[in-house]
Amino acid sequence: MNEQKDTSEKDSRTQQPAETSKKRVHTPEPPQIKDPSRHPSRQEEQAGEKKERSGNH
């Protein structure tokens, strides 16, 4: 039983970074959005935050 719990926790941790990588590929300009000095459009950032919340749920 303990082993199963460990696997579940590891899966959750491995899924988090994997989703971040997918999001970066989903973004058309990941370097621009990542740059705080070069914010093309704040709406895009909000949309990304909403998507992140949906994935976390």
C-alpha atoms as a PDB file:
ATOM      1  CA  MET A   1       0.000   0.000   0.000  1.00  0.00           C
ATOM      2  CA  ASN A   2       2.834   2.366   0.830  1.00  0.00           C
ATOM      3  CA  GLU A   3       4.483   1.659  -2.498  1.00  0.00           C
ATOM      4  CA  GLN A   4       1.314   2.517  -4.395  1.00  0.00           C
ATOM      5  CA  LYS A   5       1.071   5.865  -2.624  1.00  0.00           C
ATOM      6  CA  ASP A   6       4.688   6.665  -3.535  1.00  0.00           C
ATOM      7  CA  THR A   7       4.012   5.930  -7.187  1.00  0.00           C
ATOM      8  CA  SER A   8       0.959   8.193  -7.162  1.00  0.00           C
ATOM      9  CA  GLU A   9       2.969  11.063  -5.699  1.00  0.00           C
ATOM     10  CA  LYS A  10       5.793  10.546  -8.194  1.00  0.00           C
ATOM     11  CA  ASP A  11       3.304  10.504 -11.070  1.00  0.00           C
ATOM     12  CA  SER A  12       1.806  13.805  -9.934  1.00  0.00           C
ATOM     13  CA  ARG A  13       5.248  15.391  -9.680  1.00  0.00           C
ATOM     14  CA  THR A  14       6.311  14.079 -13.070  1.00  0.00           C
ATOM     15  CA  GLN A  15       3.077  15.252 -14.662  1.00  0.00           C
ATOM     16  CA  GLN A  16       3.506  18.841 -13.493  1.00  0.00           C
ATOM     17  CA  PRO A  17       6.776  19.543 -15.353  1.00  0.00           C
ATOM     18  CA  ALA A  18       5.581  17.584 -18.377  1.00  0.00           C
ATOM     19  CA  GLU A  19       2.514  19.822 -18.646  1.00  0.00           C
ATOM     20  CA  THR A  20       4.682  22.931 -18.400  1.00  0.00           C
ATOM     21  CA  SER A  21       6.744  21.687 -21.330  1.00  0.00           C
ATOM     22  CA  LYS A  22       3.588  21.096 -23.354  1.00  0.00           C
ATOM     23  CA  LYS A  23       2.338  24.583 -22.540  1.00  0.00           C
ATOM     24  CA  ARG A  24       5.618  26.098 -23.779  1.00  0.00           C
ATOM     25  CA  VAL A  25       5.168  24.283 -27.079  1.00  0.00           C
ATOM     26  CA  HIS A  26       1.541  25.420 -27.213  1.00  0.00           C
ATOM     27  CA  THR A  27       2.570  29.059 -26.891  1.00  0.00           C
ATOM     28  CA  PRO A  28       3.429  30.667 -30.221  1.00  0.00           C
ATOM     29  CA  GLU A  29       6.070  32.954 -28.642  1.00  0.00           C
ATOM     30  CA  PRO A  30       7.312  31.363 -25.410  1.00  0.00           C
ATOM     31  CA  PRO A  31      10.426  33.565 -25.170  1.00  0.00           C
ATOM     32  CA  GLN A  32       8.423  36.770 -25.544  1.00  0.00           C
ATOM     33  CA  ILE A  33       5.824  35.822 -22.950  1.00  0.00           C
ATOM     34  CA  LYS A  34       8.585  34.647 -20.607  1.00  0.00           C
ATOM     35  CA  ASP A  35      10.301  38.058 -20.822  1.00  0.00           C
ATOM     36  CA  PRO A  36       8.687  40.352 -18.232  1.00  0.00           C
ATOM     37  CA  SER A  37      10.149  43.390 -19.995  1.00  0.00           C
ATOM     38  CA  ARG A  38       8.643  42.361 -23.352  1.00  0.00           C
ATOM     39  CA  HIS A  39       4.964  41.774 -22.620  1.00  0.00           C
ATOM     40  CA  PRO A  40       3.201  41.651 -26.013  1.00  0.00           C
ATOM     41  CA  SER A  41      -0.296  41.397 -24.534  1.00  0.00           C
ATOM     42  CA  ARG A  42      -1.445  40.945 -20.950  1.00  0.00           C
ATOM     43  CA  GLN A  43      -4.580  39.144 -22.153  1.00  0.00           C
ATOM     44  CA  GLU A  44      -2.456  36.280 -23.451  1.00  0.00           C
ATOM     45  CA  GLU A  45      -0.833  35.938 -20.029  1.00  0.00           C
ATOM     46  CA  GLN A  46      -4.229  35.804 -18.335  1.00  0.00           C
ATOM     47  CA  ALA A  47      -5.407  33.143 -20.777  1.00  0.00           C
ATOM     48  CA  GLY A  48      -2.329  31.084 -19.934  1.00  0.00           C
ATOM     49  CA  GLU A  49      -3.014  31.392 -16.217  1.00  0.00           C
ATOM     50  CA  LYS A  50      -6.604  30.224 -16.742  1.00  0.00           C
ATOM     51  CA  LYS A  51      -5.347  27.230 -18.725  1.00  0.00           C
ATOM     52  CA  GLU A  52      -2.877  26.397 -15.978  1.00  0.00           C
ATOM     53  CA  ARG A  53      -5.651  26.472 -13.371  1.00  0.00           C
ATOM     54  CA  SER A  54      -7.776  24.147 -15.513  1.00  0.00           C
ATOM     55  CA  GLY A  55      -4.913  21.680 -15.874  1.00  0.00           C
ATOM     56  CA  ASN A  56      -4.180  21.755 -12.152  1.00  0.00           C
ATOM     57  CA  HIS A  57      -7.805  21.028 -11.312  1.00  0.00           C
END
